[in-house]
């Protein structure tokens, strides 16, 4: 089977979308699939150069760690040539960026079918960025965002979503032909047993993931908690520099890669997840697999993944949720790890493959 995945999120930029694509790609290749991933780095002469030196993409307005491919004639021609040479059996468009639009245009011109995925709450993110950085009304921008998302996902042969509650919400907003695609984690990295590091005096509260407004990072920094607060991840450079000055009590650890990801999560007492716009939250499962309870706001998707007293705590007050998790016993932390066992990339990839459609009609 020849599959092409078209995505605006891919290495070296790491987030939940990139993690999902990398692990799905790996699982499918192990099954003998021929997988071509087209991402912003595909168009660069030197994709290993720092992202700010990439010539064929530009930083997303208001969110400069994300790169958007320039829809130039040269890039579109290269895009068409890559797909024509590959002759995919099935096409998956992962993100709604300019590269995703190029994928939709290619499918339209070649009269092909494809699937898409709803990885990111783009309307809410756009609304937050517009309000925080450009002083535009949140509701107006969010409304425009949903109009764009409905238009983008209107014609596919399947729109993949991560959770049943998200499926129901999007259906109520006018999205159609939705299919479930769950997520997994790397259990060789995220596990209870393994090396730990000293992050500071206990209890250690950790923000793990992107340091950004949409992930609720400023709310994490404003919490008044005992012990140590640690931020693990990267974010927009100017924002991070400002937050370091504004919140000197927070230890900025930087980005964690490889086995270090599991190490920092095992070393924390609580992971705090303040985002209200995630569509799944792989980091919740990763933390649980390391035996670390997750404190989150009382909002989707946390209410789908976290059960109070079992693998974390959700509450309208994030401080209350964090302190409840800090009281978890070793036995409760072991139960956290057991709760993550069902999330494997093999199982998730079975769902993904089952949702795909032949590019050419029989």
Protein backbone atom coordinates (compact mmCIF):
# COMPACT_ATOMS: atom_id res chain seq x y z
CA UNK A 1 0.00 0.00 0.00
CA UNK A 2 1.35 3.44 -0.99
CA UNK A 3 0.24 6.20 1.36
CA UNK A 4 1.05 9.90 1.19
CA UNK A 5 0.63 12.01 4.34
CA UNK A 6 0.49 15.78 3.78
CA UNK A 7 1.21 17.72 6.95
CA UNK A 8 2.30 21.15 8.06
CA UNK A 9 3.54 19.72 11.38
CA UNK A 10 6.59 17.49 11.24
CA UNK A 11 10.17 17.35 12.44
CA UNK A 12 12.01 19.32 13.69
CA UNK A 13 8.88 20.94 15.19
CA UNK A 14 7.52 18.54 17.79
CA UNK A 15 3.94 18.60 19.00
CA UNK A 16 1.06 16.15 19.27
CA UNK A 17 0.45 16.20 15.52
CA UNK A 18 4.09 15.42 14.73
CA UNK A 19 4.14 12.67 17.36
CA UNK A 20 1.02 11.09 15.86
CA UNK A 21 2.37 11.18 12.32
CA UNK A 22 5.85 9.89 13.22
CA UNK A 23 4.49 6.91 15.15
CA UNK A 24 1.82 6.10 12.58
CA UNK A 25 4.40 6.30 9.81
CA UNK A 26 6.73 3.99 11.74
CA UNK A 27 3.97 1.44 12.45
CA UNK A 28 2.83 1.37 8.83
CA UNK A 29 6.35 1.00 7.46
CA UNK A 30 6.82 -1.98 9.79
CA UNK A 31 3.78 -3.53 8.10
CA UNK A 32 5.35 -3.11 4.67
CA UNK A 33 3.58 0.09 3.62
CA UNK A 34 5.34 2.63 1.40
CA UNK A 35 4.79 5.96 3.14
CA UNK A 36 5.67 9.38 1.72
CA UNK A 37 5.40 12.32 4.13
CA UNK A 38 5.24 15.77 2.52
CA UNK A 39 5.95 18.52 5.06
CA UNK A 40 7.55 21.99 5.09
CA UNK A 41 11.02 20.41 5.24
CA UNK A 42 10.31 18.65 1.92
CA UNK A 43 10.71 21.97 0.08
CA UNK A 44 13.97 23.09 1.71
CA UNK A 45 17.38 22.67 0.12
CA UNK A 46 18.86 22.35 3.61
CA UNK A 47 16.08 21.01 5.88
CA UNK A 48 18.56 20.44 8.74
CA UNK A 49 19.31 24.16 8.99
CA UNK A 50 17.66 26.13 11.81
CA UNK A 51 14.02 26.77 11.01
CA UNK A 52 14.50 30.55 10.93
CA UNK A 53 16.79 30.04 7.93
CA UNK A 54 14.30 28.06 5.89
CA UNK A 55 13.61 29.82 2.60
CA UNK A 56 10.47 28.08 1.32
CA UNK A 57 8.30 28.65 4.37
CA UNK A 58 7.44 31.50 6.71
CA UNK A 59 6.53 31.70 10.42
CA UNK A 60 2.85 31.49 11.24
CA UNK A 61 1.60 34.98 12.19
CA UNK A 62 1.41 35.21 15.98
CA UNK A 63 2.94 31.75 16.41
CA UNK A 64 6.42 31.78 14.91
CA UNK A 65 7.54 28.25 15.88
CA UNK A 66 5.12 26.90 13.24
CA UNK A 67 6.27 27.17 9.61
CA UNK A 68 3.87 27.58 6.67
CA UNK A 69 4.95 26.58 3.16
CA UNK A 70 4.95 29.44 0.65
CA UNK A 71 2.33 28.57 -2.01
CA UNK A 72 4.60 29.68 -4.85
CA UNK A 73 4.37 28.29 -8.38
CA UNK A 74 7.69 26.50 -7.86
CA UNK A 75 6.53 24.80 -4.65
CA UNK A 76 3.16 23.84 -6.12
CA UNK A 77 4.89 22.38 -9.18
CA UNK A 78 7.25 20.39 -6.97
CA UNK A 79 4.30 19.20 -4.88
CA UNK A 80 2.42 17.95 -7.96
CA UNK A 81 5.57 16.29 -9.32
CA UNK A 82 6.22 14.42 -6.05
CA UNK A 83 2.69 13.06 -5.92
CA UNK A 84 2.52 12.18 -9.61
CA UNK A 85 5.79 10.24 -9.34
CA UNK A 86 4.69 8.46 -6.15
CA UNK A 87 1.20 7.52 -7.47
CA UNK A 88 -0.36 6.99 -4.01
CA UNK A 89 -3.02 4.37 -3.37
CA UNK A 90 -4.44 6.53 -0.59
CA UNK A 91 -4.01 10.16 0.52
CA UNK A 92 -4.27 11.66 4.00
CA UNK A 93 -4.21 15.43 4.59
CA UNK A 94 -3.28 16.04 8.19
CA UNK A 95 -3.39 19.82 8.68
CA UNK A 96 -5.38 22.78 7.39
CA UNK A 97 -2.37 24.96 6.48
CA UNK A 98 -1.32 26.12 2.96
CA UNK A 99 0.26 22.70 2.40
CA UNK A 100 -3.08 21.06 3.19
CA UNK A 101 -4.78 23.37 0.68
CA UNK A 102 -2.22 22.31 -1.93
CA UNK A 103 -3.17 18.69 -1.18
CA UNK A 104 -6.86 19.45 -1.65
CA UNK A 105 -6.10 21.25 -4.91
CA UNK A 106 -4.06 18.29 -6.17
CA UNK A 107 -6.87 15.88 -5.32
CA UNK A 108 -9.38 18.12 -7.10
CA UNK A 109 -7.26 18.37 -10.25
CA UNK A 110 -6.52 14.64 -10.35
CA UNK A 111 -10.08 13.66 -9.27
CA UNK A 112 -8.83 11.72 -6.25
CA UNK A 113 -10.35 10.95 -2.85
CA UNK A 114 -8.62 11.62 0.46
CA UNK A 115 -9.11 11.71 4.22
CA UNK A 116 -8.37 14.54 6.63
CA UNK A 117 -7.89 14.82 10.41
CA UNK A 118 -8.96 17.30 13.08
CA UNK A 119 -5.80 17.51 15.20
CA UNK A 120 -5.99 21.09 16.40
CA UNK A 121 -8.66 23.48 17.60
CA UNK A 122 -7.53 26.08 15.11
CA UNK A 123 -10.50 28.45 15.63
CA UNK A 124 -9.89 28.67 19.39
CA UNK A 125 -6.12 29.07 18.96
CA UNK A 126 -6.63 31.79 16.35
CA UNK A 127 -9.09 33.51 18.69
CA UNK A 128 -6.67 33.41 21.62
CA UNK A 129 -3.73 34.70 19.58
CA UNK A 130 -5.88 37.42 17.99
CA UNK A 131 -7.06 38.59 21.42
CA UNK A 132 -3.71 38.38 23.22
CA UNK A 133 -1.41 39.72 20.49
CA UNK A 134 -3.54 41.73 18.07
CA UNK A 135 -6.40 42.91 20.38
CA UNK A 136 -9.08 41.51 18.06
CA UNK A 137 -12.41 40.11 19.37
CA UNK A 138 -12.10 36.42 20.23
CA UNK A 139 -15.65 35.44 19.22
CA UNK A 140 -15.42 36.98 15.75
CA UNK A 141 -12.11 35.28 14.95
CA UNK A 142 -13.32 31.94 16.34
CA UNK A 143 -16.44 32.14 14.16
CA UNK A 144 -14.34 32.79 11.07
CA UNK A 145 -12.07 29.91 12.07
CA UNK A 146 -14.94 27.42 12.22
CA UNK A 147 -16.26 28.61 8.86
CA UNK A 148 -12.84 27.92 7.36
CA UNK A 149 -12.55 24.51 9.06
CA UNK A 150 -15.97 23.40 7.82
CA UNK A 151 -15.04 24.45 4.31
CA UNK A 152 -11.68 22.68 4.49
CA UNK A 153 -13.12 19.39 5.76
CA UNK A 154 -16.32 19.46 3.68
CA UNK A 155 -15.25 17.23 0.78
CA UNK A 156 -13.11 14.40 2.20
CA UNK A 157 -14.10 10.76 2.31
CA UNK A 158 -13.57 10.79 6.07
CA UNK A 159 -12.58 13.24 8.81
CA UNK A 160 -10.64 11.54 11.62
CA UNK A 161 -11.13 12.71 15.22
CA UNK A 162 -9.56 11.45 18.42
CA UNK A 163 -12.45 11.09 20.90
CA UNK A 164 -16.18 10.35 20.84
CA UNK A 165 -17.03 13.60 22.63
CA UNK A 166 -15.10 15.61 20.04
CA UNK A 167 -16.95 13.74 17.29
CA UNK A 168 -20.28 14.70 18.83
CA UNK A 169 -19.24 18.34 19.27
CA UNK A 170 -18.06 18.72 15.67
CA UNK A 171 -21.17 17.03 14.34
CA UNK A 172 -23.23 19.62 16.23
CA UNK A 173 -21.15 22.32 14.47
CA UNK A 174 -21.97 20.96 11.01
CA UNK A 175 -19.03 18.62 10.32
CA UNK A 176 -19.90 15.35 8.57
CA UNK A 177 -18.50 11.86 7.91
CA UNK A 178 -16.41 11.71 11.11
CA UNK A 179 -14.38 8.62 12.03
CA UNK A 180 -12.56 7.80 15.27
CA UNK A 181 -8.75 7.59 15.39
CA UNK A 182 -7.30 7.26 18.89
CA UNK A 183 -3.67 7.74 19.91
CA UNK A 184 -0.87 5.75 21.53
CA UNK A 185 2.42 6.27 23.31
CA UNK A 186 5.88 4.74 23.24
CA UNK A 187 5.82 2.46 26.28
CA UNK A 188 9.58 1.87 26.03
CA UNK A 189 10.13 5.56 26.86
CA UNK A 190 7.15 6.31 29.08
CA UNK A 191 7.19 3.80 31.96
CA UNK A 192 7.43 3.81 35.76
CA UNK A 193 10.76 2.04 36.05
CA UNK A 194 13.80 3.93 34.86
CA UNK A 195 16.22 6.68 35.69
CA UNK A 196 15.03 9.83 37.43
CA UNK A 197 16.58 13.28 37.85
CA UNK A 198 16.42 15.87 40.60
CA UNK A 199 14.10 18.65 39.45
CA UNK A 200 14.01 20.39 42.82
CA UNK A 201 12.33 20.17 46.23
CA UNK A 202 9.17 18.08 46.36
CA UNK A 203 6.38 18.30 45.38
CA UNK A 204 7.45 18.94 41.79
CA UNK A 205 4.76 20.33 39.51
CA UNK A 206 5.63 20.14 35.84
CA UNK A 207 4.29 21.72 32.66
CA UNK A 208 5.29 19.32 29.91
CA UNK A 209 4.88 20.30 26.27
CA UNK A 210 4.69 23.46 24.23
CA UNK A 211 5.15 26.70 26.16
CA UNK A 212 2.38 28.78 24.66
CA UNK A 213 -0.84 30.63 25.37
CA UNK A 214 -3.00 27.91 23.82
CA UNK A 215 -1.50 25.28 26.14
CA UNK A 216 -2.38 27.33 29.20
CA UNK A 217 1.25 27.95 30.10
CA UNK A 218 0.75 31.45 31.58
CA UNK A 219 -2.00 30.01 33.82
CA UNK A 220 0.45 27.34 35.01
CA UNK A 221 3.03 29.99 35.89
CA UNK A 222 0.49 32.02 37.90
CA UNK A 223 -0.39 29.13 40.21
CA UNK A 224 0.69 29.47 43.84
CA UNK A 225 1.94 26.02 44.77
CA UNK A 226 4.42 24.58 47.29
CA UNK A 227 7.63 22.88 46.19
CA UNK A 228 9.02 23.34 42.68
CA UNK A 229 7.46 24.41 39.38
CA UNK A 230 9.23 23.24 36.21
CA UNK A 231 8.51 24.05 32.56
CA UNK A 232 9.68 21.42 30.07
CA UNK A 233 9.36 22.32 26.40
CA UNK A 234 9.88 25.12 23.91
CA UNK A 235 7.75 27.94 22.59
CA UNK A 236 7.80 31.27 20.75
CA UNK A 237 11.16 32.82 21.62
CA UNK A 238 9.91 36.29 22.52
CA UNK A 239 7.12 34.90 24.68
CA UNK A 240 9.46 32.54 26.53
CA UNK A 241 11.95 35.34 27.25
CA UNK A 242 9.12 37.49 28.64
CA UNK A 243 7.78 34.65 30.79
CA UNK A 244 11.23 33.93 32.24
CA UNK A 245 11.37 37.52 33.50
CA UNK A 246 7.76 37.60 34.65
CA UNK A 247 7.83 34.25 36.50
CA UNK A 248 11.28 33.82 38.09
CA UNK A 249 9.94 31.10 40.43
CA UNK A 250 9.45 28.75 37.45
CA UNK A 251 12.43 26.64 36.39
CA UNK A 252 12.70 26.56 32.59
CA UNK A 253 14.17 23.17 31.78
CA UNK A 254 14.13 23.46 27.99
CA UNK A 255 13.15 20.84 25.45
CA UNK A 256 13.32 17.15 26.36
CA UNK A 257 14.03 14.58 23.65
CA UNK A 258 14.38 10.82 23.50
CA UNK A 259 14.53 8.99 26.82
CA UNK A 260 14.75 12.32 28.65
CA UNK A 261 11.00 12.73 28.05
CA UNK A 262 10.14 9.78 30.25
CA UNK A 263 12.82 10.71 32.74
CA UNK A 264 11.40 14.18 33.48
CA UNK A 265 7.84 12.87 33.77
CA UNK A 266 8.91 10.08 36.17
CA UNK A 267 10.75 12.68 38.24
CA UNK A 268 7.72 14.92 38.73
CA UNK A 269 5.04 14.49 41.37
CA UNK A 270 2.30 16.07 39.26
CA UNK A 271 1.89 17.10 35.64
CA UNK A 272 -0.35 20.16 35.20
CA UNK A 273 -2.32 20.48 31.96
CA UNK A 274 -4.06 23.83 31.71
CA UNK A 275 -5.11 23.77 28.05
CA UNK A 276 -8.81 23.96 27.19
CA UNK A 277 -8.38 23.58 23.42
CA UNK A 278 -6.56 20.27 22.98
CA UNK A 279 -8.27 17.57 20.93
CA UNK A 280 -6.69 14.64 22.81
CA UNK A 281 -3.67 15.35 24.99
CA UNK A 282 -1.13 12.59 24.38
CA UNK A 283 0.95 14.08 27.21
CA UNK A 284 -1.73 12.98 29.69
CA UNK A 285 -1.22 9.33 28.71
CA UNK A 286 2.57 9.73 28.64
CA UNK A 287 2.58 11.15 32.18
CA UNK A 288 0.25 8.44 33.47
CA UNK A 289 2.44 5.71 31.95
CA UNK A 290 5.30 7.13 34.04
CA UNK A 291 3.15 6.90 37.16
CA UNK A 292 2.57 10.65 37.30
CA UNK A 293 -1.00 11.89 37.94
CA UNK A 294 -2.31 14.74 35.80
CA UNK A 295 -4.05 17.82 37.17
CA UNK A 296 -6.26 19.53 34.61
CA UNK A 297 -9.08 21.99 34.21
CA UNK A 298 -12.61 20.62 34.17
CA UNK A 299 -12.90 20.63 30.39
CA UNK A 300 -12.69 18.37 27.32
CA UNK A 301 -10.51 16.36 26.60
CA UNK A 302 -9.37 16.03 30.22
CA UNK A 303 -12.80 14.87 31.37
CA UNK A 304 -12.58 12.04 28.82
CA UNK A 305 -9.09 10.87 29.82
CA UNK A 306 -8.83 11.63 33.56
CA UNK A 307 -10.83 10.07 36.38
CA UNK A 308 -10.55 11.83 39.72
CA UNK A 309 -8.50 9.82 42.19
CA UNK A 310 -7.61 7.18 39.58
CA UNK A 311 -5.07 8.77 37.23
CA UNK A 312 -5.32 12.44 38.12
CA UNK A 313 -7.80 15.13 39.03
CA UNK A 314 -9.94 17.61 37.10
CA UNK A 315 -11.43 20.67 38.77
CA UNK A 316 -12.59 24.15 37.87
CA UNK A 317 -9.81 25.33 40.19
CA UNK A 318 -6.45 24.13 38.84
CA UNK A 319 -4.74 24.66 42.20
CA UNK A 320 -7.19 22.28 43.85
CA UNK A 321 -6.59 19.69 41.14
CA UNK A 322 -2.79 20.02 41.53
CA UNK A 323 -2.86 19.60 45.32
CA UNK A 324 -5.17 16.59 45.06
CA UNK A 325 -2.67 14.93 42.70
CA UNK A 326 0.26 15.80 44.97
CA UNK A 327 -1.40 13.65 47.66
CA UNK A 328 -1.31 10.49 45.48
CA UNK A 329 0.32 7.51 47.19
CA UNK A 330 2.82 5.15 45.47
CA UNK A 331 -0.02 2.65 45.00
CA UNK A 332 -2.10 5.30 43.26
CA UNK A 333 0.82 6.20 41.00
CA UNK A 334 1.11 2.54 40.00
CA UNK A 335 -2.58 2.61 39.11
CA UNK A 336 -1.88 5.64 36.89
CA UNK A 337 0.63 3.59 34.93
CA UNK A 338 -1.83 0.72 34.49
CA UNK A 339 -4.47 3.10 33.13
CA UNK A 340 -2.19 3.96 30.19
CA UNK A 341 -1.59 0.37 29.03
CA UNK A 342 -4.43 0.34 26.48
CA UNK A 343 -2.97 3.23 24.47
CA UNK A 344 -0.60 1.73 21.90
CA UNK A 345 0.38 2.96 18.46
CA UNK A 346 -0.34 -0.47 17.00
CA UNK A 347 -3.98 -0.22 18.08
CA UNK A 348 -4.23 3.41 16.97
CA UNK A 349 -2.68 2.59 13.59
CA UNK A 350 -5.25 -0.17 13.05
CA UNK A 351 -7.94 2.51 13.38
CA UNK A 352 -6.09 4.94 11.11
CA UNK A 353 -5.58 2.35 8.35
CA UNK A 354 -9.20 1.27 8.58
CA UNK A 355 -10.37 4.85 8.01
CA UNK A 356 -8.36 5.40 4.82
CA UNK A 357 -10.05 5.28 1.41
CA UNK A 358 -8.70 4.35 -2.06
CA UNK A 359 -7.55 7.51 -3.84
CA UNK A 360 -9.05 6.30 -7.13
CA UNK A 361 -12.60 5.15 -7.39
CA UNK A 362 -13.03 1.55 -8.53
